[in-house]
């Protein structure tokens, strides 16, 4: 990936994590399944970014 691509990827990852966090905290969920799925979806984007960044550097 080019030099300008990684900042966009990281920005998208941060935005996705923020959206997931806002959905988890701002909606009064009665079922615990949806917030758990949102948590893991937000975390998955972060882990994927770390994994791809390590592959790029190595």
C-alpha atoms as a PDB file:
ATOM      1  CA  UNK A   1       0.000   0.000   0.000  1.00  0.00           C
ATOM      2  CA  UNK A   2       1.135   3.520  -0.653  1.00  0.00           C
ATOM      3  CA  UNK A   3       2.038   6.193   1.830  1.00  0.00           C
ATOM      4  CA  UNK A   4      -1.325   7.925   1.514  1.00  0.00           C
ATOM      5  CA  UNK A   5      -3.336   4.752   1.941  1.00  0.00           C
ATOM      6  CA  UNK A   6      -2.390   3.906   5.533  1.00  0.00           C
ATOM      7  CA  UNK A   7      -3.627   7.183   7.053  1.00  0.00           C
ATOM      8  CA  UNK A   8      -6.998   6.594   5.369  1.00  0.00           C
ATOM      9  CA  UNK A   9      -7.145   3.024   6.638  1.00  0.00           C
ATOM     10  CA  UNK A  10      -6.344   4.133  10.173  1.00  0.00           C
ATOM     11  CA  UNK A  11      -8.899   6.945   9.981  1.00  0.00           C
ATOM     12  CA  UNK A  12     -11.583   4.534   8.780  1.00  0.00           C
ATOM     13  CA  UNK A  13     -10.674   2.084  11.539  1.00  0.00           C
ATOM     14  CA  UNK A  14     -10.913   4.826  14.170  1.00  0.00           C
ATOM     15  CA  UNK A  15     -14.258   6.012  12.801  1.00  0.00           C
ATOM     16  CA  UNK A  16     -15.620   2.452  12.811  1.00  0.00           C
ATOM     17  CA  UNK A  17     -14.489   1.901  16.410  1.00  0.00           C
ATOM     18  CA  UNK A  18     -16.082   5.217  17.437  1.00  0.00           C
ATOM     19  CA  UNK A  19     -19.390   4.330  15.764  1.00  0.00           C
ATOM     20  CA  UNK A  20     -19.429   0.958  17.508  1.00  0.00           C
ATOM     21  CA  UNK A  21     -18.612   2.588  20.859  1.00  0.00           C
ATOM     22  CA  UNK A  22     -21.345   5.184  20.422  1.00  0.00           C
ATOM     23  CA  UNK A  23     -23.910   2.547  19.488  1.00  0.00           C
ATOM     24  CA  UNK A  24     -22.967   0.472  22.531  1.00  0.00           C
ATOM     25  CA  UNK A  25     -23.112   3.363  24.990  1.00  0.00           C
ATOM     26  CA  UNK A  26     -25.938   5.540  23.701  1.00  0.00           C
ATOM     27  CA  UNK A  27     -28.668   2.993  23.007  1.00  0.00           C
ATOM     28  CA  UNK A  28     -30.378   1.361  26.003  1.00  0.00           C
ATOM     29  CA  UNK A  29     -29.976  -2.268  24.944  1.00  0.00           C
ATOM     30  CA  UNK A  30     -32.229  -4.837  26.588  1.00  0.00           C
ATOM     31  CA  UNK A  31     -30.419  -7.787  25.019  1.00  0.00           C
ATOM     32  CA  UNK A  32     -26.695  -8.265  25.651  1.00  0.00           C
ATOM     33  CA  UNK A  33     -25.969  -9.968  22.330  1.00  0.00           C
ATOM     34  CA  UNK A  34     -26.038  -6.861  20.132  1.00  0.00           C
ATOM     35  CA  UNK A  35     -23.564  -4.824  22.241  1.00  0.00           C
ATOM     36  CA  UNK A  36     -21.214  -7.816  22.385  1.00  0.00           C
ATOM     37  CA  UNK A  37     -21.290  -8.169  18.589  1.00  0.00           C
ATOM     38  CA  UNK A  38     -20.661  -4.430  18.199  1.00  0.00           C
ATOM     39  CA  UNK A  39     -17.736  -4.629  20.629  1.00  0.00           C
ATOM     40  CA  UNK A  40     -16.075  -7.456  18.720  1.00  0.00           C
ATOM     41  CA  UNK A  41     -16.785  -5.771  15.363  1.00  0.00           C
ATOM     42  CA  UNK A  42     -15.056  -2.611  16.592  1.00  0.00           C
ATOM     43  CA  UNK A  43     -12.141  -4.569  18.020  1.00  0.00           C
ATOM     44  CA  UNK A  44     -11.753  -6.649  14.855  1.00  0.00           C
ATOM     45  CA  UNK A  45     -11.015  -3.537  12.792  1.00  0.00           C
ATOM     46  CA  UNK A  46      -8.284  -2.503  15.225  1.00  0.00           C
ATOM     47  CA  UNK A  47      -6.695  -5.946  15.283  1.00  0.00           C
ATOM     48  CA  UNK A  48      -6.811  -6.184  11.482  1.00  0.00           C
ATOM     49  CA  UNK A  49      -5.055  -2.826  11.152  1.00  0.00           C
ATOM     50  CA  UNK A  50      -2.325  -3.907  13.586  1.00  0.00           C
ATOM     51  CA  UNK A  51      -1.891  -7.235  11.787  1.00  0.00           C
ATOM     52  CA  UNK A  52      -1.623  -5.678   8.320  1.00  0.00           C
ATOM     53  CA  UNK A  53       0.739  -2.984   9.586  1.00  0.00           C
ATOM     54  CA  UNK A  54       3.066  -5.611  11.067  1.00  0.00           C
ATOM     55  CA  UNK A  55       3.085  -7.499   7.765  1.00  0.00           C
ATOM     56  CA  UNK A  56       3.933  -4.269   5.942  1.00  0.00           C
ATOM     57  CA  UNK A  57       6.897  -3.506   8.222  1.00  0.00           C
ATOM     58  CA  UNK A  58       8.245  -7.055   8.343  1.00  0.00           C
END
